[in-house]
């Protein structure tokens, strides 16, 4: 189970491991400089993660690797499956590459 905390540009997640230990992860989300506009597309996605991917930092990777900004609107993650509804924002080519990346790793993706 992941307890997720979102603030202005920080995402924090606390995960309790099988041994009872708690691991914390923190991600600083990118900000745009004042007056700087990013030409971007926003896509709403529903992602389903198989058990083997639950502990991988998939969302961090797409934010970091492809320069996308994500906004999680709903999430349910347990030891067996993960489900996340989010909006991704960024250039079309980066968005397409991130969706391909997710799909290649076994994430089920539904747009809309």
N, C-alpha and C. Protein backbone atom coordinates (compact mmCIF):
# COMPACT_ATOMS: atom_id res chain seq x y z
N UNK A 1 0.85 -1.17 0.00
CA UNK A 1 0.00 0.00 0.00
C UNK A 1 0.90 1.23 0.00
N UNK A 2 0.57 2.18 -0.84
CA UNK A 2 1.34 3.43 -0.94
C UNK A 2 0.47 4.57 -0.43
N UNK A 3 0.96 5.30 0.55
CA UNK A 3 0.29 6.52 0.98
C UNK A 3 0.91 7.67 0.22
N UNK A 4 0.12 8.31 -0.62
CA UNK A 4 0.63 9.34 -1.51
C UNK A 4 0.25 10.71 -1.00
N UNK A 5 1.23 11.63 -0.99
CA UNK A 5 1.02 13.00 -0.58
C UNK A 5 1.49 13.90 -1.71
N UNK A 6 0.63 14.76 -2.18
CA UNK A 6 0.97 15.70 -3.24
C UNK A 6 0.86 17.12 -2.71
N UNK A 7 1.88 17.92 -2.97
CA UNK A 7 1.81 19.34 -2.66
C UNK A 7 2.18 20.09 -3.93
N UNK A 8 2.44 21.36 -3.82
CA UNK A 8 2.64 22.22 -4.97
C UNK A 8 3.48 21.59 -6.08
N UNK A 9 4.68 21.18 -5.81
CA UNK A 9 5.48 20.50 -6.82
C UNK A 9 6.28 19.34 -6.23
N UNK A 10 5.77 18.76 -5.16
CA UNK A 10 6.42 17.63 -4.49
C UNK A 10 5.42 16.48 -4.40
N UNK A 11 5.88 15.29 -4.76
CA UNK A 11 5.09 14.07 -4.57
C UNK A 11 5.86 13.17 -3.61
N UNK A 12 5.22 12.74 -2.54
CA UNK A 12 5.85 11.85 -1.56
C UNK A 12 5.03 10.59 -1.44
N UNK A 13 5.72 9.46 -1.31
CA UNK A 13 5.03 8.18 -1.18
C UNK A 13 5.73 7.38 -0.09
N UNK A 14 4.96 6.83 0.83
CA UNK A 14 5.48 5.93 1.86
C UNK A 14 4.94 4.53 1.58
N UNK A 15 5.85 3.57 1.50
CA UNK A 15 5.48 2.19 1.19
C UNK A 15 5.94 1.29 2.32
N UNK A 16 5.03 0.45 2.80
CA UNK A 16 5.37 -0.51 3.84
C UNK A 16 5.76 -1.82 3.18
N UNK A 17 7.00 -2.26 3.40
CA UNK A 17 7.51 -3.48 2.80
C UNK A 17 6.99 -4.73 3.49
N UNK A 18 7.28 -5.88 2.90
CA UNK A 18 6.85 -7.16 3.47
C UNK A 18 7.43 -7.40 4.86
N UNK A 19 8.60 -6.81 5.12
CA UNK A 19 9.24 -6.98 6.42
C UNK A 19 8.75 -5.96 7.46
N UNK A 20 7.80 -5.10 7.05
CA UNK A 20 7.25 -4.11 7.96
C UNK A 20 7.98 -2.77 7.93
N UNK A 21 9.12 -2.73 7.25
CA UNK A 21 9.88 -1.48 7.16
C UNK A 21 9.18 -0.52 6.22
N UNK A 22 9.27 0.76 6.53
CA UNK A 22 8.64 1.78 5.69
C UNK A 22 9.72 2.49 4.88
N UNK A 23 9.49 2.55 3.57
CA UNK A 23 10.41 3.25 2.67
C UNK A 23 9.70 4.48 2.13
N UNK A 24 10.39 5.59 2.12
CA UNK A 24 9.83 6.84 1.61
C UNK A 24 10.52 7.21 0.30
N UNK A 25 9.73 7.74 -0.60
CA UNK A 25 10.26 8.26 -1.86
C UNK A 25 9.70 9.66 -2.05
N UNK A 26 10.51 10.54 -2.60
CA UNK A 26 10.07 11.91 -2.85
C UNK A 26 10.50 12.31 -4.24
N UNK A 27 9.61 12.96 -4.96
CA UNK A 27 9.87 13.42 -6.31
C UNK A 27 9.53 14.89 -6.40
N UNK A 28 10.50 15.68 -6.84
CA UNK A 28 10.24 17.10 -7.08
C UNK A 28 9.83 17.24 -8.53
N UNK A 29 8.63 17.75 -8.73
CA UNK A 29 8.10 17.89 -10.08
C UNK A 29 8.63 19.18 -10.70
N UNK A 30 8.88 19.16 -12.01
CA UNK A 30 9.42 20.36 -12.64
C UNK A 30 8.42 21.51 -12.65
N UNK A 31 8.96 22.72 -12.56
CA UNK A 31 8.14 23.93 -12.67
C UNK A 31 8.60 24.71 -13.88
N UNK A 32 7.69 25.43 -14.45
CA UNK A 32 8.04 26.32 -15.55
C UNK A 32 8.41 27.68 -14.99
N UNK A 33 9.37 28.34 -15.62
CA UNK A 33 9.74 29.69 -15.21
C UNK A 33 8.56 30.62 -15.45
N UNK A 34 8.47 31.68 -14.67
CA UNK A 34 7.39 32.65 -14.84
C UNK A 34 7.32 33.14 -16.28
N UNK A 35 6.13 33.14 -16.83
CA UNK A 35 5.92 33.63 -18.19
C UNK A 35 6.32 32.64 -19.26
N UNK A 36 6.93 31.52 -18.89
CA UNK A 36 7.34 30.52 -19.87
C UNK A 36 6.19 29.55 -20.09
N UNK A 37 5.74 29.44 -21.30
CA UNK A 37 4.62 28.55 -21.62
C UNK A 37 5.17 27.33 -22.34
N UNK A 38 4.69 26.17 -21.98
CA UNK A 38 5.10 24.95 -22.64
C UNK A 38 4.00 24.56 -23.61
N UNK A 39 4.36 24.36 -24.87
CA UNK A 39 3.40 23.88 -25.85
C UNK A 39 3.20 22.40 -25.56
N UNK A 40 2.05 22.07 -25.05
CA UNK A 40 1.87 20.71 -24.57
C UNK A 40 0.46 20.21 -24.83
N UNK A 41 0.38 18.91 -24.81
CA UNK A 41 -0.89 18.21 -24.89
C UNK A 41 -1.15 17.61 -23.52
N UNK A 42 -2.41 17.53 -23.16
CA UNK A 42 -2.79 16.85 -21.92
C UNK A 42 -3.63 15.64 -22.30
N UNK A 43 -3.23 14.49 -21.77
CA UNK A 43 -3.99 13.26 -22.00
C UNK A 43 -4.37 12.65 -20.66
N UNK A 44 -5.61 12.20 -20.57
CA UNK A 44 -6.07 11.51 -19.37
C UNK A 44 -5.93 10.01 -19.61
N UNK A 45 -5.26 9.34 -18.68
CA UNK A 45 -4.98 7.92 -18.82
C UNK A 45 -5.40 7.16 -17.57
N UNK A 46 -5.79 5.92 -17.77
CA UNK A 46 -5.98 4.97 -16.67
C UNK A 46 -4.93 3.88 -16.87
N UNK A 47 -4.14 3.64 -15.85
CA UNK A 47 -3.05 2.68 -15.94
C UNK A 47 -3.28 1.55 -14.94
N UNK A 48 -3.09 0.33 -15.40
CA UNK A 48 -3.15 -0.84 -14.52
C UNK A 48 -1.78 -1.51 -14.54
N UNK A 49 -1.21 -1.69 -13.34
CA UNK A 49 0.12 -2.25 -13.20
C UNK A 49 0.02 -3.67 -12.69
N UNK A 50 0.72 -4.63 -13.34
CA UNK A 50 0.76 -5.98 -12.78
C UNK A 50 1.64 -6.01 -11.53
N UNK A 51 1.53 -7.07 -10.79
CA UNK A 51 2.23 -7.21 -9.51
C UNK A 51 3.74 -6.97 -9.65
N UNK A 52 4.34 -7.46 -10.72
CA UNK A 52 5.79 -7.34 -10.87
C UNK A 52 6.28 -5.89 -11.00
N UNK A 53 5.38 -4.95 -11.32
CA UNK A 53 5.78 -3.55 -11.52
C UNK A 53 5.42 -2.63 -10.36
N UNK A 54 4.74 -3.14 -9.36
CA UNK A 54 4.22 -2.28 -8.29
C UNK A 54 5.32 -1.51 -7.57
N UNK A 55 6.46 -2.11 -7.37
CA UNK A 55 7.53 -1.46 -6.61
C UNK A 55 8.49 -0.66 -7.51
N UNK A 56 8.26 -0.66 -8.81
CA UNK A 56 9.11 0.12 -9.72
C UNK A 56 8.62 1.57 -9.81
N UNK A 57 9.53 2.52 -9.93
CA UNK A 57 9.15 3.94 -10.00
C UNK A 57 8.74 4.36 -11.41
N UNK A 58 7.69 3.73 -11.93
CA UNK A 58 7.27 3.94 -13.32
C UNK A 58 6.92 5.40 -13.59
N UNK A 59 6.13 6.03 -12.73
CA UNK A 59 5.73 7.42 -12.97
C UNK A 59 6.92 8.36 -12.86
N UNK A 60 7.78 8.12 -11.91
CA UNK A 60 9.01 8.90 -11.81
C UNK A 60 9.79 8.79 -13.12
N UNK A 61 9.90 7.57 -13.63
CA UNK A 61 10.67 7.35 -14.86
C UNK A 61 10.10 8.11 -16.04
N UNK A 62 8.79 8.11 -16.21
CA UNK A 62 8.25 8.83 -17.37
C UNK A 62 8.37 10.34 -17.20
N UNK A 63 8.27 10.81 -15.97
CA UNK A 63 8.48 12.24 -15.73
C UNK A 63 9.92 12.64 -16.00
N UNK A 64 10.84 11.83 -15.50
CA UNK A 64 12.26 12.12 -15.61
C UNK A 64 12.79 11.86 -17.02
N UNK A 65 12.47 10.72 -17.58
CA UNK A 65 13.01 10.29 -18.87
C UNK A 65 12.43 11.05 -20.06
N UNK A 66 11.13 11.40 -19.98
CA UNK A 66 10.46 12.01 -21.11
C UNK A 66 10.07 13.47 -20.87
N UNK A 67 10.36 14.00 -19.68
CA UNK A 67 10.06 15.40 -19.39
C UNK A 67 8.58 15.71 -19.30
N UNK A 68 7.80 14.74 -18.89
CA UNK A 68 6.35 14.92 -18.78
C UNK A 68 5.97 15.28 -17.35
N UNK A 69 4.89 16.00 -17.22
CA UNK A 69 4.33 16.34 -15.92
C UNK A 69 3.08 15.51 -15.74
N UNK A 70 2.94 14.88 -14.58
CA UNK A 70 1.74 14.07 -14.33
C UNK A 70 0.99 14.59 -13.12
N UNK A 71 -0.32 14.40 -13.16
CA UNK A 71 -1.18 14.78 -12.06
C UNK A 71 -2.08 13.57 -11.76
N UNK A 72 -1.89 12.97 -10.61
CA UNK A 72 -2.65 11.79 -10.23
C UNK A 72 -3.99 12.23 -9.66
N UNK A 73 -5.08 11.73 -10.25
CA UNK A 73 -6.40 12.08 -9.73
C UNK A 73 -6.99 10.96 -8.87
N UNK A 74 -6.53 9.73 -9.09
CA UNK A 74 -7.04 8.60 -8.32
C UNK A 74 -6.01 7.48 -8.38
N UNK A 75 -5.81 6.78 -7.26
CA UNK A 75 -4.87 5.66 -7.25
C UNK A 75 -5.31 4.63 -6.23
N UNK A 76 -5.08 3.38 -6.57
CA UNK A 76 -5.32 2.28 -5.66
C UNK A 76 -4.20 1.26 -5.91
N UNK A 77 -3.32 1.13 -4.94
CA UNK A 77 -2.18 0.23 -5.09
C UNK A 77 -2.13 -0.68 -3.88
N UNK A 78 -2.02 -1.98 -4.12
CA UNK A 78 -1.83 -2.93 -3.03
C UNK A 78 -0.73 -3.90 -3.43
N UNK A 79 -0.57 -5.00 -2.73
CA UNK A 79 0.52 -5.94 -3.00
C UNK A 79 0.32 -6.74 -4.28
N UNK A 80 -0.87 -6.72 -4.85
CA UNK A 80 -1.16 -7.56 -6.01
C UNK A 80 -1.33 -6.78 -7.31
N UNK A 81 -1.82 -5.56 -7.24
CA UNK A 81 -2.10 -4.81 -8.46
C UNK A 81 -2.07 -3.31 -8.16
N UNK A 82 -1.81 -2.53 -9.19
CA UNK A 82 -1.85 -1.08 -9.04
C UNK A 82 -2.75 -0.48 -10.10
N UNK A 83 -3.53 0.51 -9.71
CA UNK A 83 -4.42 1.21 -10.65
C UNK A 83 -4.26 2.71 -10.40
N UNK A 84 -4.00 3.45 -11.47
CA UNK A 84 -3.79 4.89 -11.34
C UNK A 84 -4.54 5.61 -12.47
N UNK A 85 -5.29 6.65 -12.10
CA UNK A 85 -5.88 7.56 -13.09
C UNK A 85 -5.09 8.85 -12.99
N UNK A 86 -4.62 9.34 -14.15
CA UNK A 86 -3.80 10.54 -14.14
C UNK A 86 -3.94 11.31 -15.43
N UNK A 87 -3.44 12.53 -15.38
CA UNK A 87 -3.30 13.36 -16.58
C UNK A 87 -1.81 13.51 -16.83
N UNK A 88 -1.42 13.33 -18.07
CA UNK A 88 -0.04 13.56 -18.48
C UNK A 88 0.01 14.80 -19.34
N UNK A 89 1.01 15.63 -19.12
CA UNK A 89 1.14 16.85 -19.90
C UNK A 89 2.55 16.94 -20.46
N UNK A 90 2.62 17.23 -21.76
CA UNK A 90 3.92 17.39 -22.40
C UNK A 90 3.77 17.38 -23.91
N UNK A 91 4.90 17.48 -24.61
CA UNK A 91 4.88 17.45 -26.07
C UNK A 91 4.37 16.09 -26.59
N UNK A 92 3.72 16.12 -27.75
CA UNK A 92 3.14 14.90 -28.32
C UNK A 92 4.15 13.78 -28.50
N UNK A 93 5.34 14.10 -29.01
CA UNK A 93 6.32 13.05 -29.25
C UNK A 93 6.79 12.40 -27.95
N UNK A 94 6.97 13.20 -26.91
CA UNK A 94 7.36 12.66 -25.60
C UNK A 94 6.23 11.83 -25.00
N UNK A 95 4.99 12.29 -25.21
CA UNK A 95 3.83 11.55 -24.71
C UNK A 95 3.74 10.18 -25.38
N UNK A 96 3.91 10.14 -26.71
CA UNK A 96 3.86 8.88 -27.45
C UNK A 96 4.97 7.93 -27.00
N UNK A 97 6.17 8.47 -26.80
CA UNK A 97 7.29 7.65 -26.34
C UNK A 97 7.04 7.10 -24.94
N UNK A 98 6.46 7.90 -24.06
CA UNK A 98 6.16 7.45 -22.69
C UNK A 98 5.10 6.35 -22.70
N UNK A 99 4.08 6.50 -23.53
CA UNK A 99 3.03 5.48 -23.61
C UNK A 99 3.61 4.18 -24.15
N UNK A 100 4.50 4.28 -25.12
CA UNK A 100 5.17 3.08 -25.65
C UNK A 100 6.01 2.43 -24.54
N UNK A 101 6.73 3.24 -23.78
CA UNK A 101 7.56 2.76 -22.66
C UNK A 101 6.70 1.99 -21.65
N UNK A 102 5.57 2.58 -21.28
CA UNK A 102 4.66 1.94 -20.32
C UNK A 102 4.15 0.60 -20.86
N UNK A 103 3.70 0.61 -22.10
CA UNK A 103 3.14 -0.59 -22.72
C UNK A 103 4.18 -1.70 -22.81
N UNK A 104 5.40 -1.36 -23.18
CA UNK A 104 6.48 -2.35 -23.29
C UNK A 104 6.81 -2.99 -21.94
N UNK A 105 6.53 -2.31 -20.86
CA UNK A 105 6.80 -2.85 -19.53
C UNK A 105 5.63 -3.64 -18.95
N UNK A 106 4.53 -3.69 -19.68
CA UNK A 106 3.40 -4.51 -19.22
C UNK A 106 2.29 -3.74 -18.55
N UNK A 107 2.33 -2.40 -18.65
CA UNK A 107 1.26 -1.58 -18.08
C UNK A 107 0.10 -1.56 -19.06
N UNK A 108 -1.10 -1.80 -18.57
CA UNK A 108 -2.30 -1.70 -19.40
C UNK A 108 -2.74 -0.24 -19.38
N UNK A 109 -2.96 0.33 -20.57
CA UNK A 109 -3.26 1.76 -20.70
C UNK A 109 -4.60 1.93 -21.38
N UNK A 110 -5.43 2.79 -20.77
CA UNK A 110 -6.71 3.17 -21.37
C UNK A 110 -6.77 4.69 -21.38
N UNK A 111 -7.00 5.25 -22.57
CA UNK A 111 -7.11 6.72 -22.67
C UNK A 111 -8.55 7.14 -22.49
N UNK A 112 -8.70 8.34 -21.93
CA UNK A 112 -10.03 8.90 -21.81
C UNK A 112 -10.51 9.06 -20.42
